[in-house]
Amino acid sequence: MNDSIDILLIEDSAFDAELTIRALKQNNLAKNIVHVATGAHAIDFLMLRAFSKTGIYKTNQRLFY
């Protein structure tokens, strides 16, 4: 049984974000991980996801892992 979930990771430290993402992936705890650096980006992501038919967040940052 796979109980992995989608995670929105809000972390301004790229190093800490990579450590967190690596740990989540190694333990198969997350199906999709989206990393944003600020709370403002997180709100933008959530608002666009809520009102977008495709659910795709377009930005110049690398978000999906």
C-alpha atoms as a PDB file:
ATOM      1  CA  MET A   1       0.000   0.000   0.000  1.00  0.00           C
ATOM      2  CA  ASN A   2       1.371   3.403  -0.982  1.00  0.00           C
ATOM      3  CA  ASP A   3       0.372   6.175   1.427  1.00  0.00           C
ATOM      4  CA  SER A   4       2.493   8.868  -0.210  1.00  0.00           C
ATOM      5  CA  ILE A   5       1.070  12.372  -0.354  1.00  0.00           C
ATOM      6  CA  ASP A   6       1.609  15.645  -2.204  1.00  0.00           C
ATOM      7  CA  ILE A   7       3.713  18.163  -0.262  1.00  0.00           C
ATOM      8  CA  LEU A   8       4.177  21.903  -0.635  1.00  0.00           C
ATOM      9  CA  LEU A   9       7.548  22.647   0.983  1.00  0.00           C
ATOM     10  CA  ILE A  10       8.101  26.288   1.918  1.00  0.00           C
ATOM     11  CA  GLU A  11      11.783  26.727   2.702  1.00  0.00           C
ATOM     12  CA  ASP A  12      14.095  29.650   1.947  1.00  0.00           C
ATOM     13  CA  SER A  13      17.278  27.624   2.358  1.00  0.00           C
ATOM     14  CA  ALA A  14      18.063  25.620  -0.780  1.00  0.00           C
ATOM     15  CA  PHE A  15      20.327  23.334   1.244  1.00  0.00           C
ATOM     16  CA  ASP A  16      17.638  22.559   3.825  1.00  0.00           C
ATOM     17  CA  ALA A  17      15.065  22.055   1.078  1.00  0.00           C
ATOM     18  CA  GLU A  18      17.279  19.524  -0.712  1.00  0.00           C
ATOM     19  CA  LEU A  19      17.869  17.612   2.537  1.00  0.00           C
ATOM     20  CA  THR A  20      14.147  17.513   3.244  1.00  0.00           C
ATOM     21  CA  ILE A  21      13.266  16.452  -0.295  1.00  0.00           C
ATOM     22  CA  ARG A  22      15.920  13.733  -0.262  1.00  0.00           C
ATOM     23  CA  ALA A  23      14.649  12.333   3.054  1.00  0.00           C
ATOM     24  CA  LEU A  24      11.041  12.336   1.866  1.00  0.00           C
ATOM     25  CA  LYS A  25      11.917  10.597  -1.388  1.00  0.00           C
ATOM     26  CA  GLN A  26      14.199   8.005   0.226  1.00  0.00           C
ATOM     27  CA  ASN A  27      11.383   6.996   2.552  1.00  0.00           C
ATOM     28  CA  ASN A  28       8.688   7.112  -0.158  1.00  0.00           C
ATOM     29  CA  LEU A  29       6.654   9.592   1.871  1.00  0.00           C
ATOM     30  CA  ALA A  30       5.714  12.012  -0.898  1.00  0.00           C
ATOM     31  CA  LYS A  31       4.305  11.446  -4.344  1.00  0.00           C
ATOM     32  CA  ASN A  32       4.890  15.012  -5.545  1.00  0.00           C
ATOM     33  CA  ILE A  33       6.972  17.665  -3.809  1.00  0.00           C
ATOM     34  CA  VAL A  34       6.675  21.317  -4.722  1.00  0.00           C
ATOM     35  CA  HIS A  35       9.348  23.589  -3.269  1.00  0.00           C
ATOM     36  CA  VAL A  36       8.904  27.345  -3.016  1.00  0.00           C
ATOM     37  CA  ALA A  37      11.181  29.732  -1.179  1.00  0.00           C
ATOM     38  CA  THR A  38       8.676  32.190   0.295  1.00  0.00           C
ATOM     39  CA  GLY A  39       5.206  32.341   1.750  1.00  0.00           C
ATOM     40  CA  ALA A  40       4.194  34.683  -1.065  1.00  0.00           C
ATOM     41  CA  HIS A  41       5.193  32.061  -3.644  1.00  0.00           C
ATOM     42  CA  ALA A  42       3.243  29.442  -1.703  1.00  0.00           C
ATOM     43  CA  ILE A  43       0.106  31.589  -1.733  1.00  0.00           C
ATOM     44  CA  ASP A  44       0.554  32.235  -5.460  1.00  0.00           C
ATOM     45  CA  PHE A  45       0.946  28.509  -6.064  1.00  0.00           C
ATOM     46  CA  LEU A  46      -2.137  27.620  -4.032  1.00  0.00           C
ATOM     47  CA  MET A  47      -4.289  30.328  -5.606  1.00  0.00           C
ATOM     48  CA  LEU A  48      -3.253  29.441  -9.142  1.00  0.00           C
ATOM     49  CA  ARG A  49      -3.769  25.743  -8.448  1.00  0.00           C
ATOM     50  CA  ALA A  50      -7.226  26.393  -7.024  1.00  0.00           C
ATOM     51  CA  PHE A  51      -8.375  28.465 -10.002  1.00  0.00           C
ATOM     52  CA  SER A  52      -6.504  26.747 -12.818  1.00  0.00           C
ATOM     53  CA  LYS A  53      -8.143  23.988 -14.816  1.00  0.00           C
ATOM     54  CA  THR A  54      -4.779  22.371 -15.489  1.00  0.00           C
ATOM     55  CA  GLY A  55      -3.360  22.762 -11.995  1.00  0.00           C
ATOM     56  CA  ILE A  56       0.030  23.651 -13.482  1.00  0.00           C
ATOM     57  CA  TYR A  57       2.070  26.371 -11.791  1.00  0.00           C
ATOM     58  CA  LYS A  58       4.337  28.179 -14.223  1.00  0.00           C
ATOM     59  CA  THR A  59       7.368  29.996 -12.895  1.00  0.00           C
ATOM     60  CA  ASN A  60      11.046  30.414 -13.599  1.00  0.00           C
ATOM     61  CA  GLN A  61      11.868  28.371 -10.474  1.00  0.00           C
ATOM     62  CA  ARG A  62      12.347  24.619 -10.460  1.00  0.00           C
ATOM     63  CA  LEU A  63       9.378  23.473  -8.441  1.00  0.00           C
ATOM     64  CA  PHE A  64       8.477  19.876  -9.190  1.00  0.00           C
ATOM     65  CA  TYR A  65      10.786  17.076  -8.039  1.00  0.00           C
END
